[in-house]
Amino acid sequence: MHPTFGTVKKGTIYGHKFTMSGMVKGEAKVSLIYVHKICDDVVKTPAIDNEIHIEGMPKSLDISINGMMPLDESYVTSAAPSVNVIPMVVDGPSGFLQALDLKVVTPLH
């Protein structure tokens, strides 16, 4: 793939998909599905969209918010979580760490 910033070699990661859920007694009550990837025009799945679906009482609500993030710039924010955690990993204890073992991640300035 050849996005505007360079080349992404075959066999490397072109994006990631997060699903974060708020749980109540083991059941997901609210979830955020967040997709970052490069070359959305080349690789269509997983889809990047700006859709919000809320289901509850008295009825459901579906919203589309366009223009939250330009698709040609989503690769920049894909790198942000990994880059921003570097100081916490360097300052952390040696050995294998889970993400929750680290201090809260704060953006680099």
PDB file of N, CA and C in Angstrom:
ATOM      1  N   MET A   1       0.845  -1.173   0.000  1.00  0.00           N
ATOM      2  CA  MET A   1       0.000   0.000   0.000  1.00  0.00           C
ATOM      3  C   MET A   1       0.889   1.234   0.000  1.00  0.00           C
ATOM      4  N   HIS A   2       0.434   2.257  -0.657  1.00  0.00           N
ATOM      5  CA  HIS A   2       1.233   3.472  -0.801  1.00  0.00           C
ATOM      6  C   HIS A   2       0.439   4.719  -0.398  1.00  0.00           C
ATOM      7  N   PRO A   3       0.221   4.911   0.909  1.00  0.00           N
ATOM      8  CA  PRO A   3      -0.467   6.135   1.336  1.00  0.00           C
ATOM      9  C   PRO A   3       0.445   7.342   1.137  1.00  0.00           C
ATOM     10  N   THR A   4      -0.055   8.528   1.407  1.00  0.00           N
ATOM     11  CA  THR A   4       0.695   9.752   1.148  1.00  0.00           C
ATOM     12  C   THR A   4       1.986   9.866   1.952  1.00  0.00           C
ATOM     13  N   PHE A   5       2.096   9.194   3.101  1.00  0.00           N
ATOM     14  CA  PHE A   5       3.271   9.356   3.952  1.00  0.00           C
ATOM     15  C   PHE A   5       4.386   8.363   3.657  1.00  0.00           C
ATOM     16  N   GLY A   6       4.169   7.340   2.811  1.00  0.00           N
ATOM     17  CA  GLY A   6       5.213   6.358   2.540  1.00  0.00           C
ATOM     18  C   GLY A   6       4.636   5.039   2.091  1.00  0.00           C
ATOM     19  N   THR A   7       5.369   3.954   2.334  1.00  0.00           N
ATOM     20  CA  THR A   7       4.955   2.632   1.895  1.00  0.00           C
ATOM     21  C   THR A   7       4.670   1.744   3.103  1.00  0.00           C
ATOM     22  N   VAL A   8       3.596   0.981   3.032  1.00  0.00           N
ATOM     23  CA  VAL A   8       3.287  -0.016   4.051  1.00  0.00           C
ATOM     24  C   VAL A   8       3.565  -1.373   3.417  1.00  0.00           C
ATOM     25  N   LYS A   9       4.543  -2.091   3.948  1.00  0.00           N
ATOM     26  CA  LYS A   9       4.968  -3.355   3.363  1.00  0.00           C
ATOM     27  C   LYS A   9       3.975  -4.473   3.642  1.00  0.00           C
ATOM     28  N   LYS A  10       3.878  -5.406   2.698  1.00  0.00           N
ATOM     29  CA  LYS A  10       3.023  -6.575   2.855  1.00  0.00           C
ATOM     30  C   LYS A  10       3.441  -7.350   4.108  1.00  0.00           C
ATOM     31  N   GLY A  11       2.453  -7.772   4.872  1.00  0.00           N
ATOM     32  CA  GLY A  11       2.721  -8.543   6.082  1.00  0.00           C
ATOM     33  C   GLY A  11       2.837  -7.692   7.340  1.00  0.00           C
ATOM     34  N   THR A  12       2.785  -6.363   7.202  1.00  0.00           N
ATOM     35  CA  THR A  12       2.830  -5.500   8.381  1.00  0.00           C
ATOM     36  C   THR A  12       1.409  -5.068   8.744  1.00  0.00           C
ATOM     37  N   ILE A  13       1.277  -4.442   9.875  1.00  0.00           N
ATOM     38  CA  ILE A  13      -0.043  -4.025  10.362  1.00  0.00           C
ATOM     39  C   ILE A  13      -0.445  -2.728   9.662  1.00  0.00           C
ATOM     40  N   TYR A  14      -1.653  -2.697   9.131  1.00  0.00           N
ATOM     41  CA  TYR A  14      -2.138  -1.497   8.444  1.00  0.00           C
ATOM     42  C   TYR A  14      -3.162  -0.730   9.275  1.00  0.00           C
ATOM     43  N   GLY A  15      -3.483  -1.207  10.452  1.00  0.00           N
ATOM     44  CA  GLY A  15      -4.444  -0.505  11.291  1.00  0.00           C
ATOM     45  C   GLY A  15      -4.785  -1.335  12.511  1.00  0.00           C
ATOM     46  N   HIS A  16      -5.716  -0.826  13.297  1.00  0.00           N
ATOM     47  CA  HIS A  16      -6.180  -1.572  14.461  1.00  0.00           C
ATOM     48  C   HIS A  16      -7.614  -1.185  14.778  1.00  0.00           C
ATOM     49  N   LYS A  17      -8.282  -2.083  15.481  1.00  0.00           N
ATOM     50  CA  LYS A  17      -9.675  -1.879  15.871  1.00  0.00           C
ATOM     51  C   LYS A  17      -9.781  -2.132  17.368  1.00  0.00           C
ATOM     52  N   PHE A  18     -10.251  -1.130  18.092  1.00  0.00           N
ATOM     53  CA  PHE A  18     -10.473  -1.250  19.523  1.00  0.00           C
ATOM     54  C   PHE A  18     -11.959  -1.435  19.785  1.00  0.00           C
ATOM     55  N   THR A  19     -12.300  -2.290  20.726  1.00  0.00           N
ATOM     56  CA  THR A  19     -13.657  -2.331  21.261  1.00  0.00           C
ATOM     57  C   THR A  19     -13.526  -2.172  22.763  1.00  0.00           C
ATOM     58  N   MET A  20     -14.052  -1.073  23.275  1.00  0.00           N
ATOM     59  CA  MET A  20     -14.021  -0.803  24.712  1.00  0.00           C
ATOM     60  C   MET A  20     -15.455  -0.866  25.224  1.00  0.00           C
ATOM     61  N   SER A  21     -15.677  -1.633  26.285  1.00  0.00           N
ATOM     62  CA  SER A  21     -17.036  -1.827  26.789  1.00  0.00           C
ATOM     63  C   SER A  21     -17.125  -1.503  28.268  1.00  0.00           C
ATOM     64  N   GLY A  22     -18.219  -0.883  28.627  1.00  0.00           N
ATOM     65  CA  GLY A  22     -18.559  -0.693  30.033  1.00  0.00           C
ATOM     66  C   GLY A  22     -19.388  -1.892  30.468  1.00  0.00           C
ATOM     67  N   MET A  23     -18.939  -2.580  31.497  1.00  0.00           N
ATOM     68  CA  MET A  23     -19.570  -3.828  31.916  1.00  0.00           C
ATOM     69  C   MET A  23     -20.341  -3.635  33.223  1.00  0.00           C
ATOM     70  N   VAL A  24     -21.499  -4.274  33.312  1.00  0.00           N
ATOM     71  CA  VAL A  24     -22.282  -4.331  34.534  1.00  0.00           C
ATOM     72  C   VAL A  24     -22.613  -5.798  34.783  1.00  0.00           C
ATOM     73  N   LYS A  25     -22.078  -6.348  35.870  1.00  0.00           N
ATOM     74  CA  LYS A  25     -22.298  -7.751  36.222  1.00  0.00           C
ATOM     75  C   LYS A  25     -21.974  -8.683  35.059  1.00  0.00           C
ATOM     76  N   GLY A  26     -20.836  -8.415  34.398  1.00  0.00           N
ATOM     77  CA  GLY A  26     -20.374  -9.271  33.312  1.00  0.00           C
ATOM     78  C   GLY A  26     -21.048  -9.055  31.972  1.00  0.00           C
ATOM     79  N   GLU A  27     -21.967  -8.100  31.878  1.00  0.00           N
ATOM     80  CA  GLU A  27     -22.675  -7.849  30.617  1.00  0.00           C
ATOM     81  C   GLU A  27     -22.298  -6.463  30.086  1.00  0.00           C
ATOM     82  N   ALA A  28     -21.929  -6.411  28.794  1.00  0.00           N
ATOM     83  CA  ALA A  28     -21.594  -5.126  28.176  1.00  0.00           C
ATOM     84  C   ALA A  28     -22.845  -4.268  28.073  1.00  0.00           C
ATOM     85  N   LYS A  29     -22.802  -3.091  28.680  1.00  0.00           N
ATOM     86  CA  LYS A  29     -23.945  -2.170  28.640  1.00  0.00           C
ATOM     87  C   LYS A  29     -23.705  -1.027  27.664  1.00  0.00           C
ATOM     88  N   VAL A  30     -22.455  -0.703  27.418  1.00  0.00           N
ATOM     89  CA  VAL A  30     -22.106   0.352  26.462  1.00  0.00           C
ATOM     90  C   VAL A  30     -20.764  -0.024  25.842  1.00  0.00           C
ATOM     91  N   SER A  31     -20.636   0.194  24.534  1.00  0.00           N
ATOM     92  CA  SER A  31     -19.385  -0.136  23.853  1.00  0.00           C
ATOM     93  C   SER A  31     -19.008   0.960  22.880  1.00  0.00           C
ATOM     94  N   LEU A  32     -17.717   1.166  22.750  1.00  0.00           N
ATOM     95  CA  LEU A  32     -17.161   2.065  21.753  1.00  0.00           C
ATOM     96  C   LEU A  32     -16.281   1.219  20.838  1.00  0.00           C
ATOM     97  N   ILE A  33     -16.569   1.226  19.569  1.00  0.00           N
ATOM     98  CA  ILE A  33     -15.749   0.510  18.588  1.00  0.00           C
ATOM     99  C   ILE A  33     -15.026   1.567  17.775  1.00  0.00           C
ATOM    100  N   TYR A  34     -13.719   1.502  17.806  1.00  0.00           N
ATOM    101  CA  TYR A  34     -12.880   2.555  17.251  1.00  0.00           C
ATOM    102  C   TYR A  34     -11.905   1.939  16.256  1.00  0.00           C
ATOM    103  N   VAL A  35     -11.934   2.377  15.019  1.00  0.00           N
ATOM    104  CA  VAL A  35     -11.077   1.821  13.965  1.00  0.00           C
ATOM    105  C   VAL A  35     -10.114   2.893  13.481  1.00  0.00           C
ATOM    106  N   HIS A  36      -8.829   2.574  13.474  1.00  0.00           N
ATOM    107  CA  HIS A  36      -7.801   3.404  12.849  1.00  0.00           C
ATOM    108  C   HIS A  36      -7.113   2.553  11.800  1.00  0.00           C
ATOM    109  N   LYS A  37      -6.935   3.070  10.615  1.00  0.00           N
ATOM    110  CA  LYS A  37      -6.185   2.336   9.599  1.00  0.00           C
ATOM    111  C   LYS A  37      -5.725   3.295   8.523  1.00  0.00           C
ATOM    112  N   ILE A  38      -4.819   2.800   7.708  1.00  0.00           N
ATOM    113  CA  ILE A  38      -4.357   3.576   6.560  1.00  0.00           C
ATOM    114  C   ILE A  38      -4.989   2.996   5.313  1.00  0.00           C
ATOM    115  N   CYS A  39      -4.948   3.731   4.245  1.00  0.00           N
ATOM    116  CA  CYS A  39      -5.439   3.259   2.943  1.00  0.00           C
ATOM    117  C   CYS A  39      -6.887   2.785   2.998  1.00  0.00           C
ATOM    118  N   ASP A  40      -7.774   3.579   3.552  1.00  0.00           N
ATOM    119  CA  ASP A  40      -9.177   3.200   3.586  1.00  0.00           C
ATOM    120  C   ASP A  40      -9.727   3.004   2.176  1.00  0.00           C
ATOM    121  N   ASP A  41      -9.144   3.699   1.203  1.00  0.00           N
ATOM    122  CA  ASP A  41      -9.606   3.541  -0.176  1.00  0.00           C
ATOM    123  C   ASP A  41      -9.182   2.198  -0.770  1.00  0.00           C
ATOM    124  N   VAL A  42      -8.131   1.578  -0.204  1.00  0.00           N
ATOM    125  CA  VAL A  42      -7.642   0.290  -0.712  1.00  0.00           C
ATOM    126  C   VAL A  42      -8.227  -0.867   0.090  1.00  0.00           C
ATOM    127  N   VAL A  43      -8.212  -0.755   1.403  1.00  0.00           N
ATOM    128  CA  VAL A  43      -8.680  -1.815   2.294  1.00  0.00           C
ATOM    129  C   VAL A  43      -9.934  -1.306   3.005  1.00  0.00           C
ATOM    130  N   LYS A  44     -11.082  -1.815   2.611  1.00  0.00           N
ATOM    131  CA  LYS A  44     -12.349  -1.287   3.114  1.00  0.00           C
ATOM    132  C   LYS A  44     -12.784  -1.854   4.464  1.00  0.00           C
ATOM    133  N   THR A  45     -12.232  -2.998   4.889  1.00  0.00           N
ATOM    134  CA  THR A  45     -12.646  -3.568   6.168  1.00  0.00           C
ATOM    135  C   THR A  45     -11.470  -3.630   7.129  1.00  0.00           C
ATOM    136  N   PRO A  46     -11.679  -3.418   8.400  1.00  0.00           N
ATOM    137  CA  PRO A  46     -12.947  -3.013   8.988  1.00  0.00           C
ATOM    138  C   PRO A  46     -13.296  -1.586   8.566  1.00  0.00           C
ATOM    139  N   ALA A  47     -14.592  -1.333   8.470  1.00  0.00           N
ATOM    140  CA  ALA A  47     -15.065  -0.035   8.000  1.00  0.00           C
ATOM    141  C   ALA A  47     -14.757   1.065   9.013  1.00  0.00           C
ATOM    142  N   ILE A  48     -14.418   2.229   8.487  1.00  0.00           N
ATOM    143  CA  ILE A  48     -14.327   3.427   9.312  1.00  0.00           C
ATOM    144  C   ILE A  48     -15.610   4.200   9.053  1.00  0.00           C
ATOM    145  N   ASP A  49     -16.370   4.426  10.095  1.00  0.00           N
ATOM    146  CA  ASP A  49     -17.573   5.225   9.906  1.00  0.00           C
ATOM    147  C   ASP A  49     -17.761   6.140  11.108  1.00  0.00           C
ATOM    148  N   ASN A  50     -18.712   6.991  11.002  1.00  0.00           N
ATOM    149  CA  ASN A  50     -19.001   7.965  12.053  1.00  0.00           C
ATOM    150  C   ASN A  50     -20.411   7.751  12.580  1.00  0.00           C
ATOM    151  N   GLU A  51     -20.755   6.495  12.819  1.00  0.00           N
ATOM    152  CA  GLU A  51     -22.111   6.141  13.223  1.00  0.00           C
ATOM    153  C   GLU A  51     -22.188   5.934  14.726  1.00  0.00           C
ATOM    154  N   ILE A  52     -23.260   6.420  15.315  1.00  0.00           N
ATOM    155  CA  ILE A  52     -23.534   6.222  16.739  1.00  0.00           C
ATOM    156  C   ILE A  52     -24.918   5.583  16.848  1.00  0.00           C
ATOM    157  N   HIS A  53     -24.991   4.478  17.580  1.00  0.00           N
ATOM    158  CA  HIS A  53     -26.272   3.799  17.789  1.00  0.00           C
ATOM    159  C   HIS A  53     -26.502   3.699  19.296  1.00  0.00           C
ATOM    160  N   ILE A  54     -27.623   4.229  19.759  1.00  0.00           N
ATOM    161  CA  ILE A  54     -27.993   4.155  21.172  1.00  0.00           C
ATOM    162  C   ILE A  54     -29.328   3.434  21.250  1.00  0.00           C
ATOM    163  N   GLU A  55     -29.351   2.359  22.029  1.00  0.00           N
ATOM    164  CA  GLU A  55     -30.576   1.587  22.175  1.00  0.00           C
ATOM    165  C   GLU A  55     -31.028   1.659  23.620  1.00  0.00           C
ATOM    166  N   GLY A  56     -32.287   1.991  23.830  1.00  0.00           N
ATOM    167  CA  GLY A  56     -32.780   2.087  25.193  1.00  0.00           C
ATOM    168  C   GLY A  56     -34.243   2.464  25.226  1.00  0.00           C
ATOM    169  N   MET A  57     -34.644   3.026  26.339  1.00  0.00           N
ATOM    170  CA  MET A  57     -36.048   3.398  26.530  1.00  0.00           C
ATOM    171  C   MET A  57     -36.200   4.876  26.241  1.00  0.00           C
ATOM    172  N   PRO A  58     -37.156   5.332  25.519  1.00  0.00           N
ATOM    173  CA  PRO A  58     -38.270   4.573  24.962  1.00  0.00           C
ATOM    174  C   PRO A  58     -37.970   3.988  23.587  1.00  0.00           C
ATOM    175  N   LYS A  59     -36.927   4.446  22.882  1.00  0.00           N
ATOM    176  CA  LYS A  59     -36.615   3.875  21.574  1.00  0.00           C
ATOM    177  C   LYS A  59     -35.138   4.039  21.273  1.00  0.00           C
ATOM    178  N   SER A  60     -34.731   3.580  20.105  1.00  0.00           N
ATOM    179  CA  SER A  60     -33.320   3.688  19.740  1.00  0.00           C
ATOM    180  C   SER A  60     -33.062   4.999  19.000  1.00  0.00           C
ATOM    181  N   LEU A  61     -31.769   5.366  18.940  1.00  0.00           N
ATOM    182  CA  LEU A  61     -31.341   6.595  18.298  1.00  0.00           C
ATOM    183  C   LEU A  61     -30.137   6.269  17.432  1.00  0.00           C
ATOM    184  N   ASP A  62     -30.169   6.664  16.171  1.00  0.00           N
ATOM    185  CA  ASP A  62     -29.047   6.473  15.263  1.00  0.00           C
ATOM    186  C   ASP A  62     -28.604   7.834  14.746  1.00  0.00           C
ATOM    187  N   ILE A  63     -27.306   8.113  14.867  1.00  0.00           N
ATOM    188  CA  ILE A  63     -26.749   9.402  14.478  1.00  0.00           C
ATOM    189  C   ILE A  63     -25.533   9.161  13.599  1.00  0.00           C
ATOM    190  N   SER A  64     -25.346   9.987  12.593  1.00  0.00           N
ATOM    191  CA  SER A  64     -24.145   9.973  11.771  1.00  0.00           C
ATOM    192  C   SER A  64     -23.489  11.343  11.883  1.00  0.00           C
ATOM    193  N   ILE A  65     -22.216  11.372  12.269  1.00  0.00           N
ATOM    194  CA  ILE A  65     -21.480  12.625  12.393  1.00  0.00           C
ATOM    195  C   ILE A  65     -20.352  12.585  11.364  1.00  0.00           C
ATOM    196  N   ASN A  66     -20.488  13.349  10.317  1.00  0.00           N
ATOM    197  CA  ASN A  66     -19.495  13.356   9.250  1.00  0.00           C
ATOM    198  C   ASN A  66     -18.420  14.401   9.509  1.00  0.00           C
ATOM    199  N   GLY A  67     -17.188  14.077   9.088  1.00  0.00           N
ATOM    200  CA  GLY A  67     -16.088  15.024   9.185  1.00  0.00           C
ATOM    201  C   GLY A  67     -15.345  15.020  10.501  1.00  0.00           C
ATOM    202  N   MET A  68     -15.572  14.002  11.366  1.00  0.00           N
ATOM    203  CA  MET A  68     -14.852  13.966  12.640  1.00  0.00           C
ATOM    204  C   MET A  68     -13.353  13.800  12.407  1.00  0.00           C
ATOM    205  N   MET A  69     -12.966  12.973  11.463  1.00  0.00           N
ATOM    206  CA  MET A  69     -11.567  12.741  11.160  1.00  0.00           C
ATOM    207  C   MET A  69     -11.420  12.472   9.666  1.00  0.00           C
ATOM    208  N   PRO A  70     -10.600  13.252   8.981  1.00  0.00           N
ATOM    209  CA  PRO A  70     -10.383  12.962   7.553  1.00  0.00           C
ATOM    210  C   PRO A  70      -9.753  11.581   7.392  1.00  0.00           C
ATOM    211  N   LEU A  71     -10.279  10.759   6.496  1.00  0.00           N
ATOM    212  CA  LEU A  71      -9.777   9.394   6.328  1.00  0.00           C
ATOM    213  C   LEU A  71      -8.321   9.362   5.880  1.00  0.00           C
ATOM    214  N   ASP A  72      -7.865  10.386   5.164  1.00  0.00           N
ATOM    215  CA  ASP A  72      -6.474  10.363   4.708  1.00  0.00           C
ATOM    216  C   ASP A  72      -5.497  10.734   5.820  1.00  0.00           C
ATOM    217  N   GLU A  73      -5.973  11.119   7.015  1.00  0.00           N
ATOM    218  CA  GLU A  73      -5.096  11.458   8.124  1.00  0.00           C
ATOM    219  C   GLU A  73      -5.230  10.490   9.295  1.00  0.00           C
ATOM    220  N   SER A  74      -6.029   9.440   9.143  1.00  0.00           N
ATOM    221  CA  SER A  74      -6.256   8.551  10.287  1.00  0.00           C
ATOM    222  C   SER A  74      -4.997   7.804  10.695  1.00  0.00           C
ATOM    223  N   TYR A  75      -4.023   7.644   9.784  1.00  0.00           N
ATOM    224  CA  TYR A  75      -2.788   6.944  10.144  1.00  0.00           C
ATOM    225  C   TYR A  75      -2.024   7.698  11.223  1.00  0.00           C
ATOM    226  N   VAL A  76      -2.120   9.017  11.277  1.00  0.00           N
ATOM    227  CA  VAL A  76      -1.398   9.796  12.282  1.00  0.00           C
ATOM    228  C   VAL A  76      -1.869   9.414  13.677  1.00  0.00           C
ATOM    229  N   THR A  77      -3.163   9.329  13.882  1.00  0.00           N
ATOM    230  CA  THR A  77      -3.671   8.985  15.208  1.00  0.00           C
ATOM    231  C   THR A  77      -3.525   7.499  15.496  1.00  0.00           C
ATOM    232  N   SER A  78      -3.300   6.664  14.483  1.00  0.00           N
ATOM    233  CA  SER A  78      -3.042   5.247  14.731  1.00  0.00           C
ATOM    234  C   SER A  78      -1.749   5.053  15.496  1.00  0.00           C
ATOM    235  N   ALA A  79      -0.765   5.865  15.242  1.00  0.00           N
ATOM    236  CA  ALA A  79       0.529   5.740  15.910  1.00  0.00           C
ATOM    237  C   ALA A  79       0.519   6.364  17.297  1.00  0.00           C
ATOM    238  N   ALA A  80      -0.378   7.292  17.554  1.00  0.00           N
ATOM    239  CA  ALA A  80      -0.358   8.056  18.802  1.00  0.00           C
ATOM    240  C   ALA A  80      -0.372   7.195  20.063  1.00  0.00           C
ATOM    241  N   PRO A  81      -1.268   6.197  20.208  1.00  0.00           N
ATOM    242  CA  PRO A  81      -1.261   5.419  21.457  1.00  0.00           C
ATOM    243  C   PRO A  81       0.077   4.719  21.722  1.00  0.00           C
ATOM    244  N   SER A  82       0.696   4.186  20.686  1.00  0.00           N
ATOM    245  CA  SER A  82       1.967   3.493  20.866  1.00  0.00           C
ATOM    246  C   SER A  82       3.088   4.458  21.218  1.00  0.00           C
ATOM    247  N   VAL A  83       3.137   5.593  20.548  1.00  0.00           N
ATOM    248  CA  VAL A  83       4.181   6.579  20.823  1.00  0.00           C
ATOM    249  C   VAL A  83       4.004   7.170  22.214  1.00  0.00           C
ATOM    250  N   ASN A  84       2.781   7.471  22.589  1.00  0.00           N
ATOM    251  CA  ASN A  84       2.534   8.123  23.874  1.00  0.00           C
ATOM    252  C   ASN A  84       2.818   7.229  25.075  1.00  0.00           C
ATOM    253  N   VAL A  85       2.812   5.919  24.902  1.00  0.00           N
ATOM    254  CA  VAL A  85       3.042   5.016  26.034  1.00  0.00           C
ATOM    255  C   VAL A  85       4.543   4.747  26.261  1.00  0.00           C
ATOM    256  N   ILE A  86       5.407   5.161  25.346  1.00  0.00           N
ATOM    257  CA  ILE A  86       6.848   4.875  25.462  1.00  0.00           C
ATOM    258  C   ILE A  86       7.421   5.320  26.812  1.00  0.00           C
ATOM    259  N   PRO A  87       7.184   6.547  27.296  1.00  0.00           N
ATOM    260  CA  PRO A  87       7.762   6.926  28.595  1.00  0.00           C
ATOM    261  C   PRO A  87       7.298   6.035  29.750  1.00  0.00           C
ATOM    262  N   MET A  88       6.032   5.601  29.738  1.00  0.00           N
ATOM    263  CA  MET A  88       5.538   4.751  30.811  1.00  0.00           C
ATOM    264  C   MET A  88       6.193   3.368  30.765  1.00  0.00           C
ATOM    265  N   VAL A  89       6.456   2.872  29.578  1.00  0.00           N
ATOM    266  CA  VAL A  89       7.110   1.569  29.442  1.00  0.00           C
ATOM    267  C   VAL A  89       8.569   1.668  29.881  1.00  0.00           C
ATOM    268  N   VAL A  90       9.251   2.720  29.466  1.00  0.00           N
ATOM    269  CA  VAL A  90      10.657   2.906  29.836  1.00  0.00           C
ATOM    270  C   VAL A  90      10.800   3.037  31.355  1.00  0.00           C
ATOM    271  N   ASP A  91       9.892   3.770  31.996  1.00  0.00           N
ATOM    272  CA  ASP A  91       9.962   3.981  33.444  1.00  0.00           C
ATOM    273  C   ASP A  91       9.356   2.833  34.254  1.00  0.00           C
ATOM    274  N   GLY A  92       8.695   1.884  33.589  1.00  0.00           N
ATOM    275  CA  GLY A  92       8.026   0.792  34.283  1.00  0.00           C
ATOM    276  C   GLY A  92       8.991  -0.294  34.731  1.00  0.00           C
ATOM    277  N   PRO A  93       8.497  -1.229  35.511  1.00  0.00           N
ATOM    278  CA  PRO A  93       9.337  -2.344  35.957  1.00  0.00           C
ATOM    279  C   PRO A  93       9.672  -3.276  34.793  1.00  0.00           C
ATOM    280  N   SER A  94      10.746  -4.036  34.938  1.00  0.00           N
ATOM    281  CA  SER A  94      11.122  -4.970  33.872  1.00  0.00           C
ATOM    282  C   SER A  94      10.146  -6.137  33.823  1.00  0.00           C
ATOM    283  N   GLY A  95      10.119  -6.818  32.690  1.00  0.00           N
ATOM    284  CA  GLY A  95       9.240  -7.969  32.519  1.00  0.00           C
ATOM    285  C   GLY A  95       7.999  -7.619  31.723  1.00  0.00           C
ATOM    286  N   PHE A  96       7.131  -8.613  31.565  1.00  0.00           N
ATOM    287  CA  PHE A  96       5.892  -8.441  30.802  1.00  0.00           C
ATOM    288  C   PHE A  96       4.899  -7.596  31.586  1.00  0.00           C
ATOM    289  N   LEU A  97       4.315  -6.608  30.925  1.00  0.00           N
ATOM    290  CA  LEU A  97       3.329  -5.746  31.566  1.00  0.00           C
ATOM    291  C   LEU A  97       2.036  -5.749  30.774  1.00  0.00           C
ATOM    292  N   GLN A  98       0.928  -5.759  31.467  1.00  0.00           N
ATOM    293  CA  GLN A  98      -0.371  -5.532  30.841  1.00  0.00           C
ATOM    294  C   GLN A  98      -0.566  -4.021  30.740  1.00  0.00           C
ATOM    295  N   ALA A  99      -1.425  -3.571  29.833  1.00  0.00           N
ATOM    296  CA  ALA A  99      -1.677  -2.144  29.681  1.00  0.00           C
ATOM    297  C   ALA A  99      -2.130  -1.514  30.998  1.00  0.00           C
ATOM    298  N   LEU A 100      -2.928  -2.243  31.782  1.00  0.00           N
ATOM    299  CA  LEU A 100      -3.423  -1.686  33.045  1.00  0.00           C
ATOM    300  C   LEU A 100      -2.360  -1.630  34.136  1.00  0.00           C
ATOM    301  N   ASP A 101      -1.183  -2.253  33.894  1.00  0.00           N
ATOM    302  CA  ASP A 101      -0.080  -2.182  34.849  1.00  0.00           C
ATOM    303  C   ASP A 101       0.651  -0.853  34.760  1.00  0.00           C
ATOM    304  N   LEU A 102       0.450  -0.121  33.673  1.00  0.00           N
ATOM    305  CA  LEU A 102       1.153   1.137  33.447  1.00  0.00           C
ATOM    306  C   LEU A 102       0.374   2.307  34.024  1.00  0.00           C
ATOM    307  N   LYS A 103       1.097   3.414  34.234  1.00  0.00           N
ATOM    308  CA  LYS A 103       0.438   4.643  34.650  1.00  0.00           C
ATOM    309  C   LYS A 103      -0.504   5.097  33.538  1.00  0.00           C
ATOM    310  N   VAL A 104      -1.386   6.020  33.854  1.00  0.00           N
ATOM    311  CA  VAL A 104      -2.304   6.549  32.855  1.00  0.00           C
ATOM    312  C   VAL A 104      -1.500   7.189  31.731  1.00  0.00           C
ATOM    313  N   VAL A 105      -1.868   6.866  30.507  1.00  0.00           N
ATOM    314  CA  VAL A 105      -1.161   7.403  29.337  1.00  0.00           C
ATOM    315  C   VAL A 105      -1.585   8.842  29.106  1.00  0.00           C
ATOM    316  N   THR A 106      -0.601   9.714  28.985  1.00  0.00           N
ATOM    317  CA  THR A 106      -0.878  11.115  28.684  1.00  0.00           C
ATOM    318  C   THR A 106      -0.188  11.488  27.375  1.00  0.00           C
ATOM    319  N   PRO A 107      -0.796  12.331  26.569  1.00  0.00           N
ATOM    320  CA  PRO A 107      -0.181  12.712  25.279  1.00  0.00           C
ATOM    321  C   PRO A 107       1.167  13.399  25.471  1.00  0.00           C
ATOM    322  N   LEU A 108       2.086  13.140  24.551  1.00  0.00           N
ATOM    323  CA  LEU A 108       3.379  13.828  24.545  1.00  0.00           C
ATOM    324  C   LEU A 108       3.195  15.223  23.967  1.00  0.00           C
ATOM    325  N   HIS A 109       3.987  16.165  24.429  1.00  0.00           N
ATOM    326  CA  HIS A 109       3.886  17.537  23.921  1.00  0.00           C
ATOM    327  C   HIS A 109       5.004  17.822  22.951  1.00  0.00           C
TER     328      HIS A 109
END
